[in-house]
Amino acid sequence: MTILAYSLYLFIAVGMTIWVAWTLSTNGKIYLIRCFGHDAELATSVNHLLVVGFYLVNLGFIALALSTAGEVTDAAGMMRFLGWYVGLAVLVLGGMHFFNMGAVTRHGKKVADWVHDRLPEPAAEAEAPREPAKVRRESLLR
């Protein structure tokens, strides 16, 4: 019974982590672009870094939680086990999401300004062909 409970927990918790990370990264892209001053390249990079961090923290938590779990002897115990550990994983996922949203909202524009202040000036001939694409991309995002 313990192996079944652990297997169900891993399936539910890992599946939920993958789905939440995919949903947040897909639907949060426009939000990140706007938070980073309409810099799509920076927003895409940060989005990917957030997903990687999200996976690392949540999968690590899932593994640690499973390592501290006890024996499951009956169906009622399995339901209690799944309710407790899946619920805990959901709370960690939600906490990570709100932490990330707060950090991006608070610091997004500052980071974009900091990155743009430190970028080297492009050569005049290299800038001309890239400018129309950048303007088109930014106008589509507004």
N, C-alpha and C. Protein backbone atom coordinates (compact mmCIF):
# COMPACT_ATOMS: atom_id res chain seq x y z
N MET A 1 0.83 -1.20 0.00
CA MET A 1 0.00 0.00 0.00
C MET A 1 0.88 1.26 0.00
N THR A 2 2.01 1.20 0.68
CA THR A 2 2.90 2.36 0.74
C THR A 2 3.45 2.71 -0.63
N ILE A 3 3.84 1.71 -1.40
CA ILE A 3 4.39 1.95 -2.74
C ILE A 3 3.32 2.59 -3.63
N LEU A 4 2.09 2.15 -3.53
CA LEU A 4 0.99 2.73 -4.32
C LEU A 4 0.77 4.20 -3.92
N ALA A 5 0.76 4.47 -2.62
CA ALA A 5 0.56 5.83 -2.13
C ALA A 5 1.69 6.75 -2.60
N TYR A 6 2.92 6.28 -2.49
CA TYR A 6 4.07 7.08 -2.92
C TYR A 6 4.03 7.31 -4.43
N SER A 7 3.68 6.29 -5.18
CA SER A 7 3.59 6.42 -6.64
C SER A 7 2.52 7.42 -7.05
N LEU A 8 1.37 7.33 -6.41
CA LEU A 8 0.29 8.29 -6.70
C LEU A 8 0.72 9.71 -6.35
N TYR A 9 1.37 9.86 -5.21
CA TYR A 9 1.85 11.18 -4.80
C TYR A 9 2.83 11.74 -5.83
N LEU A 10 3.79 10.95 -6.25
CA LEU A 10 4.76 11.42 -7.24
C LEU A 10 4.08 11.79 -8.55
N PHE A 11 3.17 10.96 -9.00
CA PHE A 11 2.45 11.23 -10.25
C PHE A 11 1.67 12.53 -10.16
N ILE A 12 0.93 12.71 -9.08
CA ILE A 12 0.10 13.92 -8.92
C ILE A 12 0.98 15.16 -8.72
N ALA A 13 1.93 15.10 -7.82
CA ALA A 13 2.74 16.28 -7.48
C ALA A 13 3.65 16.71 -8.63
N VAL A 14 4.32 15.75 -9.27
CA VAL A 14 5.19 16.11 -10.39
C VAL A 14 4.36 16.58 -11.58
N GLY A 15 3.26 15.90 -11.86
CA GLY A 15 2.37 16.33 -12.94
C GLY A 15 1.82 17.73 -12.71
N MET A 16 1.43 18.00 -11.49
CA MET A 16 0.92 19.32 -11.14
C MET A 16 2.00 20.38 -11.28
N THR A 17 3.22 20.07 -10.88
CA THR A 17 4.34 21.01 -11.01
C THR A 17 4.61 21.34 -12.47
N ILE A 18 4.63 20.33 -13.32
CA ILE A 18 4.85 20.55 -14.75
C ILE A 18 3.73 21.39 -15.34
N TRP A 19 2.49 21.07 -15.01
CA TRP A 19 1.35 21.82 -15.56
C TRP A 19 1.37 23.28 -15.09
N VAL A 20 1.62 23.50 -13.81
CA VAL A 20 1.64 24.87 -13.28
C VAL A 20 2.78 25.66 -13.91
N ALA A 21 3.96 25.07 -14.02
CA ALA A 21 5.10 25.79 -14.63
C ALA A 21 4.79 26.15 -16.08
N TRP A 22 4.22 25.22 -16.83
CA TRP A 22 3.87 25.48 -18.23
C TRP A 22 2.82 26.58 -18.32
N THR A 23 1.79 26.49 -17.50
CA THR A 23 0.71 27.49 -17.53
C THR A 23 1.23 28.88 -17.17
N LEU A 24 2.02 28.96 -16.11
CA LEU A 24 2.54 30.27 -15.70
C LEU A 24 3.49 30.85 -16.74
N SER A 25 4.35 30.03 -17.30
CA SER A 25 5.31 30.57 -18.28
C SER A 25 4.61 30.98 -19.56
N THR A 26 3.61 30.23 -19.99
CA THR A 26 2.88 30.56 -21.22
C THR A 26 2.03 31.81 -21.04
N ASN A 27 1.26 31.85 -19.98
CA ASN A 27 0.33 32.96 -19.78
C ASN A 27 0.99 34.18 -19.15
N GLY A 28 2.15 34.01 -18.54
CA GLY A 28 2.83 35.13 -17.90
C GLY A 28 3.77 35.90 -18.81
N LYS A 29 3.95 35.44 -20.04
CA LYS A 29 4.93 36.07 -20.92
C LYS A 29 4.59 37.54 -21.20
N ILE A 30 3.35 37.84 -21.51
CA ILE A 30 2.95 39.23 -21.79
C ILE A 30 3.15 40.09 -20.55
N TYR A 31 2.81 39.57 -19.40
CA TYR A 31 3.00 40.30 -18.14
C TYR A 31 4.48 40.62 -17.94
N LEU A 32 5.34 39.64 -18.16
CA LEU A 32 6.78 39.87 -18.00
C LEU A 32 7.31 40.89 -19.00
N ILE A 33 6.84 40.81 -20.22
CA ILE A 33 7.28 41.77 -21.25
C ILE A 33 6.94 43.19 -20.81
N ARG A 34 5.77 43.38 -20.30
CA ARG A 34 5.38 44.72 -19.85
C ARG A 34 6.15 45.13 -18.60
N CYS A 35 6.38 44.19 -17.69
CA CYS A 35 7.14 44.52 -16.47
C CYS A 35 8.58 44.89 -16.79
N PHE A 36 9.12 44.33 -17.85
CA PHE A 36 10.50 44.60 -18.22
C PHE A 36 10.60 45.65 -19.33
N GLY A 37 9.69 46.62 -19.31
CA GLY A 37 9.76 47.75 -20.22
C GLY A 37 9.66 47.37 -21.68
N HIS A 38 8.83 46.40 -22.00
CA HIS A 38 8.59 45.93 -23.37
C HIS A 38 9.84 45.34 -24.02
N ASP A 39 10.73 44.80 -23.22
CA ASP A 39 11.91 44.11 -23.74
C ASP A 39 11.60 42.62 -23.78
N ALA A 40 11.18 42.15 -24.95
CA ALA A 40 10.74 40.76 -25.10
C ALA A 40 11.88 39.77 -24.88
N GLU A 41 13.07 40.12 -25.30
CA GLU A 41 14.21 39.22 -25.14
C GLU A 41 14.54 39.02 -23.65
N LEU A 42 14.57 40.11 -22.90
CA LEU A 42 14.83 40.02 -21.46
C LEU A 42 13.71 39.25 -20.76
N ALA A 43 12.47 39.54 -21.12
CA ALA A 43 11.33 38.87 -20.49
C ALA A 43 11.34 37.37 -20.78
N THR A 44 11.68 36.97 -21.99
CA THR A 44 11.76 35.55 -22.33
C THR A 44 12.86 34.86 -21.54
N SER A 45 13.99 35.52 -21.41
CA SER A 45 15.09 34.96 -20.63
C SER A 45 14.70 34.80 -19.16
N VAL A 46 14.12 35.82 -18.57
CA VAL A 46 13.69 35.75 -17.17
C VAL A 46 12.61 34.69 -16.99
N ASN A 47 11.71 34.59 -17.95
CA ASN A 47 10.64 33.59 -17.90
C ASN A 47 11.25 32.18 -17.83
N HIS A 48 12.24 31.92 -18.66
CA HIS A 48 12.89 30.61 -18.66
C HIS A 48 13.61 30.36 -17.33
N LEU A 49 14.30 31.37 -16.82
CA LEU A 49 15.00 31.22 -15.54
C LEU A 49 14.01 30.96 -14.39
N LEU A 50 12.86 31.64 -14.42
CA LEU A 50 11.85 31.40 -13.40
C LEU A 50 11.31 29.98 -13.46
N VAL A 51 11.11 29.46 -14.67
CA VAL A 51 10.62 28.09 -14.81
C VAL A 51 11.64 27.09 -14.26
N VAL A 52 12.92 27.29 -14.58
CA VAL A 52 13.96 26.39 -14.08
C VAL A 52 14.00 26.44 -12.54
N GLY A 53 13.98 27.64 -11.97
CA GLY A 53 13.97 27.76 -10.52
C GLY A 53 12.74 27.14 -9.90
N PHE A 54 11.60 27.32 -10.55
CA PHE A 54 10.34 26.75 -10.10
C PHE A 54 10.44 25.23 -10.03
N TYR A 55 10.98 24.62 -11.09
CA TYR A 55 11.16 23.17 -11.09
C TYR A 55 12.12 22.71 -10.00
N LEU A 56 13.24 23.39 -9.86
CA LEU A 56 14.22 22.97 -8.87
C LEU A 56 13.65 23.00 -7.46
N VAL A 57 13.00 24.10 -7.11
CA VAL A 57 12.45 24.22 -5.75
C VAL A 57 11.34 23.21 -5.52
N ASN A 58 10.41 23.11 -6.44
CA ASN A 58 9.26 22.24 -6.21
C ASN A 58 9.60 20.76 -6.29
N LEU A 59 10.44 20.37 -7.24
CA LEU A 59 10.81 18.95 -7.30
C LEU A 59 11.68 18.57 -6.10
N GLY A 60 12.52 19.49 -5.66
CA GLY A 60 13.29 19.23 -4.45
C GLY A 60 12.38 19.08 -3.24
N PHE A 61 11.38 19.94 -3.15
CA PHE A 61 10.43 19.83 -2.04
C PHE A 61 9.68 18.50 -2.09
N ILE A 62 9.24 18.11 -3.27
CA ILE A 62 8.51 16.85 -3.42
C ILE A 62 9.37 15.68 -2.97
N ALA A 63 10.63 15.67 -3.37
CA ALA A 63 11.53 14.58 -2.97
C ALA A 63 11.76 14.57 -1.46
N LEU A 64 11.97 15.75 -0.87
CA LEU A 64 12.18 15.81 0.59
C LEU A 64 10.93 15.39 1.35
N ALA A 65 9.78 15.83 0.87
CA ALA A 65 8.53 15.46 1.55
C ALA A 65 8.33 13.95 1.50
N LEU A 66 8.65 13.36 0.36
CA LEU A 66 8.48 11.91 0.23
C LEU A 66 9.46 11.15 1.14
N SER A 67 10.65 11.71 1.31
CA SER A 67 11.64 11.02 2.14
C SER A 67 11.27 11.04 3.62
N THR A 68 10.40 11.95 4.04
CA THR A 68 10.00 12.01 5.44
C THR A 68 8.66 11.31 5.70
N ALA A 69 8.03 10.82 4.64
CA ALA A 69 6.72 10.18 4.79
C ALA A 69 6.86 8.82 5.48
N GLY A 70 5.82 8.46 6.17
CA GLY A 70 5.83 7.18 6.88
C GLY A 70 5.15 6.08 6.08
N GLU A 71 4.88 5.00 6.75
CA GLU A 71 4.22 3.84 6.13
C GLU A 71 2.73 4.11 5.96
N VAL A 72 2.18 3.62 4.88
CA VAL A 72 0.75 3.69 4.62
C VAL A 72 0.23 2.25 4.65
N THR A 73 -0.73 1.98 5.54
CA THR A 73 -1.17 0.59 5.73
C THR A 73 -2.55 0.28 5.19
N ASP A 74 -3.40 1.31 5.00
CA ASP A 74 -4.75 1.04 4.51
C ASP A 74 -5.22 2.17 3.61
N ALA A 75 -6.42 2.01 3.05
CA ALA A 75 -6.96 3.00 2.11
C ALA A 75 -7.20 4.34 2.78
N ALA A 76 -7.68 4.34 3.99
CA ALA A 76 -7.92 5.60 4.70
C ALA A 76 -6.60 6.32 4.96
N GLY A 77 -5.59 5.59 5.31
CA GLY A 77 -4.26 6.17 5.53
C GLY A 77 -3.69 6.73 4.24
N MET A 78 -3.97 6.06 3.11
CA MET A 78 -3.50 6.54 1.82
C MET A 78 -4.18 7.87 1.47
N MET A 79 -5.46 7.98 1.76
CA MET A 79 -6.18 9.24 1.48
C MET A 79 -5.64 10.37 2.34
N ARG A 80 -5.38 10.09 3.61
CA ARG A 80 -4.79 11.11 4.49
C ARG A 80 -3.41 11.51 4.01
N PHE A 81 -2.60 10.53 3.65
CA PHE A 81 -1.25 10.79 3.14
C PHE A 81 -1.30 11.66 1.89
N LEU A 82 -2.13 11.27 0.91
CA LEU A 82 -2.23 12.04 -0.34
C LEU A 82 -2.77 13.44 -0.08
N GLY A 83 -3.78 13.54 0.77
CA GLY A 83 -4.34 14.86 1.08
C GLY A 83 -3.30 15.78 1.71
N TRP A 84 -2.54 15.25 2.66
CA TRP A 84 -1.54 16.07 3.34
C TRP A 84 -0.40 16.46 2.41
N TYR A 85 0.20 15.50 1.73
CA TYR A 85 1.39 15.79 0.93
C TYR A 85 1.07 16.50 -0.39
N VAL A 86 -0.03 16.16 -1.03
CA VAL A 86 -0.42 16.91 -2.24
C VAL A 86 -0.83 18.32 -1.85
N GLY A 87 -1.55 18.46 -0.75
CA GLY A 87 -1.92 19.80 -0.27
C GLY A 87 -0.71 20.65 0.05
N LEU A 88 0.29 20.05 0.65
CA LEU A 88 1.53 20.75 0.96
C LEU A 88 2.25 21.18 -0.33
N ALA A 89 2.27 20.30 -1.32
CA ALA A 89 2.89 20.63 -2.61
C ALA A 89 2.14 21.78 -3.29
N VAL A 90 0.81 21.79 -3.20
CA VAL A 90 0.02 22.88 -3.78
C VAL A 90 0.34 24.20 -3.07
N LEU A 91 0.46 24.17 -1.77
CA LEU A 91 0.81 25.40 -1.04
C LEU A 91 2.20 25.91 -1.43
N VAL A 92 3.15 25.02 -1.62
CA VAL A 92 4.49 25.43 -2.06
C VAL A 92 4.42 26.03 -3.46
N LEU A 93 3.68 25.39 -4.36
CA LEU A 93 3.52 25.93 -5.72
C LEU A 93 2.90 27.34 -5.67
N GLY A 94 1.86 27.51 -4.89
CA GLY A 94 1.22 28.82 -4.76
C GLY A 94 2.14 29.85 -4.13
N GLY A 95 2.86 29.45 -3.10
CA GLY A 95 3.80 30.37 -2.47
C GLY A 95 4.90 30.81 -3.42
N MET A 96 5.44 29.88 -4.19
CA MET A 96 6.45 30.23 -5.19
C MET A 96 5.89 31.20 -6.22
N HIS A 97 4.67 30.96 -6.66
CA HIS A 97 4.05 31.84 -7.65
C HIS A 97 3.90 33.26 -7.11
N PHE A 98 3.37 33.40 -5.92
CA PHE A 98 3.18 34.75 -5.37
C PHE A 98 4.50 35.44 -5.06
N PHE A 99 5.50 34.69 -4.61
CA PHE A 99 6.82 35.26 -4.40
C PHE A 99 7.39 35.79 -5.71
N ASN A 100 7.33 34.97 -6.76
CA ASN A 100 7.84 35.39 -8.07
C ASN A 100 7.09 36.60 -8.62
N MET A 101 5.78 36.60 -8.50
CA MET A 101 4.98 37.75 -8.98
C MET A 101 5.36 39.03 -8.24
N GLY A 102 5.51 38.93 -6.94
CA GLY A 102 5.89 40.10 -6.16
C GLY A 102 7.26 40.62 -6.54
N ALA A 103 8.21 39.71 -6.71
CA ALA A 103 9.57 40.13 -7.07
C ALA A 103 9.61 40.76 -8.46
N VAL A 104 8.93 40.16 -9.42
CA VAL A 104 8.92 40.72 -10.78
C VAL A 104 8.22 42.07 -10.80
N THR A 105 7.10 42.16 -10.12
CA THR A 105 6.36 43.42 -10.09
C THR A 105 7.19 44.52 -9.43
N ARG A 106 7.85 44.19 -8.35
CA ARG A 106 8.63 45.17 -7.60
C ARG A 106 9.90 45.58 -8.32
N HIS A 107 10.56 44.62 -8.99
CA HIS A 107 11.89 44.90 -9.52
C HIS A 107 12.02 44.83 -11.04
N GLY A 108 10.97 44.49 -11.75
CA GLY A 108 11.05 44.30 -13.19
C GLY A 108 11.57 45.49 -13.96
N LYS A 109 10.98 46.65 -13.76
CA LYS A 109 11.40 47.85 -14.50
C LYS A 109 12.82 48.25 -14.11
N LYS A 110 13.17 48.12 -12.83
CA LYS A 110 14.53 48.45 -12.39
C LYS A 110 15.56 47.56 -13.09
N VAL A 111 15.26 46.28 -13.20
CA VAL A 111 16.17 45.34 -13.86
C VAL A 111 16.31 45.69 -15.34
N ALA A 112 15.19 45.98 -16.00
CA ALA A 112 15.23 46.35 -17.42
C ALA A 112 16.07 47.61 -17.61
N ASP A 113 15.87 48.61 -16.77
CA ASP A 113 16.67 49.85 -16.88
C ASP A 113 18.15 49.56 -16.62
N TRP A 114 18.44 48.73 -15.64
CA TRP A 114 19.82 48.38 -15.32
C TRP A 114 20.48 47.66 -16.49
N VAL A 115 19.77 46.71 -17.11
CA VAL A 115 20.34 45.96 -18.24
C VAL A 115 20.58 46.90 -19.41
N HIS A 116 19.64 47.77 -19.72
CA HIS A 116 19.79 48.68 -20.86
C HIS A 116 20.87 49.72 -20.62
N ASP A 117 21.08 50.13 -19.39
CA ASP A 117 22.14 51.10 -19.09
C ASP A 117 23.52 50.49 -19.29
N ARG A 118 23.65 49.18 -19.17
CA ARG A 118 24.95 48.53 -19.25
C ARG A 118 25.23 47.87 -20.60
N LEU A 119 24.27 47.88 -21.51
CA LEU A 119 24.51 47.30 -22.83
C LEU A 119 25.40 48.21 -23.64
N PRO A 120 26.35 47.65 -24.39
CA PRO A 120 27.19 48.50 -25.25
C PRO A 120 26.36 49.09 -26.39
N GLU A 121 26.74 50.26 -26.82
CA GLU A 121 26.04 50.90 -27.92
C GLU A 121 26.31 50.13 -29.21
N PRO A 122 25.28 49.76 -29.97
CA PRO A 122 25.50 49.04 -31.22
C PRO A 122 26.07 49.98 -32.28
N ALA A 123 26.78 49.41 -33.23
CA ALA A 123 27.32 50.21 -34.33
C ALA A 123 26.17 50.75 -35.16
N ALA A 124 26.35 51.91 -35.76
CA ALA A 124 25.27 52.57 -36.50
C ALA A 124 24.76 51.70 -37.64
N GLU A 125 25.66 51.04 -38.38
CA GLU A 125 25.21 50.22 -39.50
C GLU A 125 24.50 48.95 -39.03
N ALA A 126 24.84 48.43 -37.87
CA ALA A 126 24.18 47.24 -37.35
C ALA A 126 22.81 47.58 -36.77
N GLU A 127 22.62 48.80 -36.34
CA GLU A 127 21.37 49.20 -35.71
C GLU A 127 20.24 49.39 -36.73
N ALA A 128 20.54 49.89 -37.91
CA ALA A 128 19.51 50.22 -38.88
C ALA A 128 18.65 49.03 -39.28
N PRO A 129 19.21 47.87 -39.65
CA PRO A 129 18.33 46.76 -40.05
C PRO A 129 17.53 46.19 -38.89
N ARG A 130 18.02 46.30 -37.66
CA ARG A 130 17.33 45.70 -36.52
C ARG A 130 16.20 46.57 -36.00
N GLU A 131 16.26 47.85 -36.19
CA GLU A 131 15.28 48.76 -35.61
C GLU A 131 13.84 48.50 -36.08
N PRO A 132 13.58 48.33 -37.40
CA PRO A 132 12.19 48.09 -37.80
C PRO A 132 11.61 46.83 -37.17
N ALA A 133 12.39 45.76 -37.04
CA ALA A 133 11.87 44.54 -36.42
C ALA A 133 11.55 44.78 -34.95
N LYS A 134 12.40 45.54 -34.27
CA LYS A 134 12.16 45.83 -32.86
C LYS A 134 10.90 46.66 -32.70
N VAL A 135 10.73 47.66 -33.57
CA VAL A 135 9.54 48.51 -33.48
C VAL A 135 8.28 47.70 -33.77
N ARG A 136 8.34 46.84 -34.77
CA ARG A 136 7.17 45.99 -35.09
C ARG A 136 6.85 45.07 -33.92
N ARG A 137 7.86 44.44 -33.35
CA ARG A 137 7.65 43.51 -32.25
C ARG A 137 7.04 44.23 -31.06
N GLU A 138 7.56 45.40 -30.72
CA GLU A 138 7.04 46.14 -29.57
C GLU A 138 5.64 46.67 -29.83
N SER A 139 5.36 47.07 -31.07
CA SER A 139 4.02 47.58 -31.35
C SER A 139 3.00 46.46 -31.28
N LEU A 140 3.39 45.22 -31.59
CA LEU A 140 2.47 44.09 -31.49
C LEU A 140 2.17 43.74 -30.05
N LEU A 141 3.10 44.03 -29.17
CA LEU A 141 2.93 43.67 -27.76
C LEU A 141 2.08 44.66 -26.99
N ARG A 142 1.86 45.81 -27.54
CA ARG A 142 1.06 46.82 -26.81
C ARG A 142 -0.39 46.63 -26.96
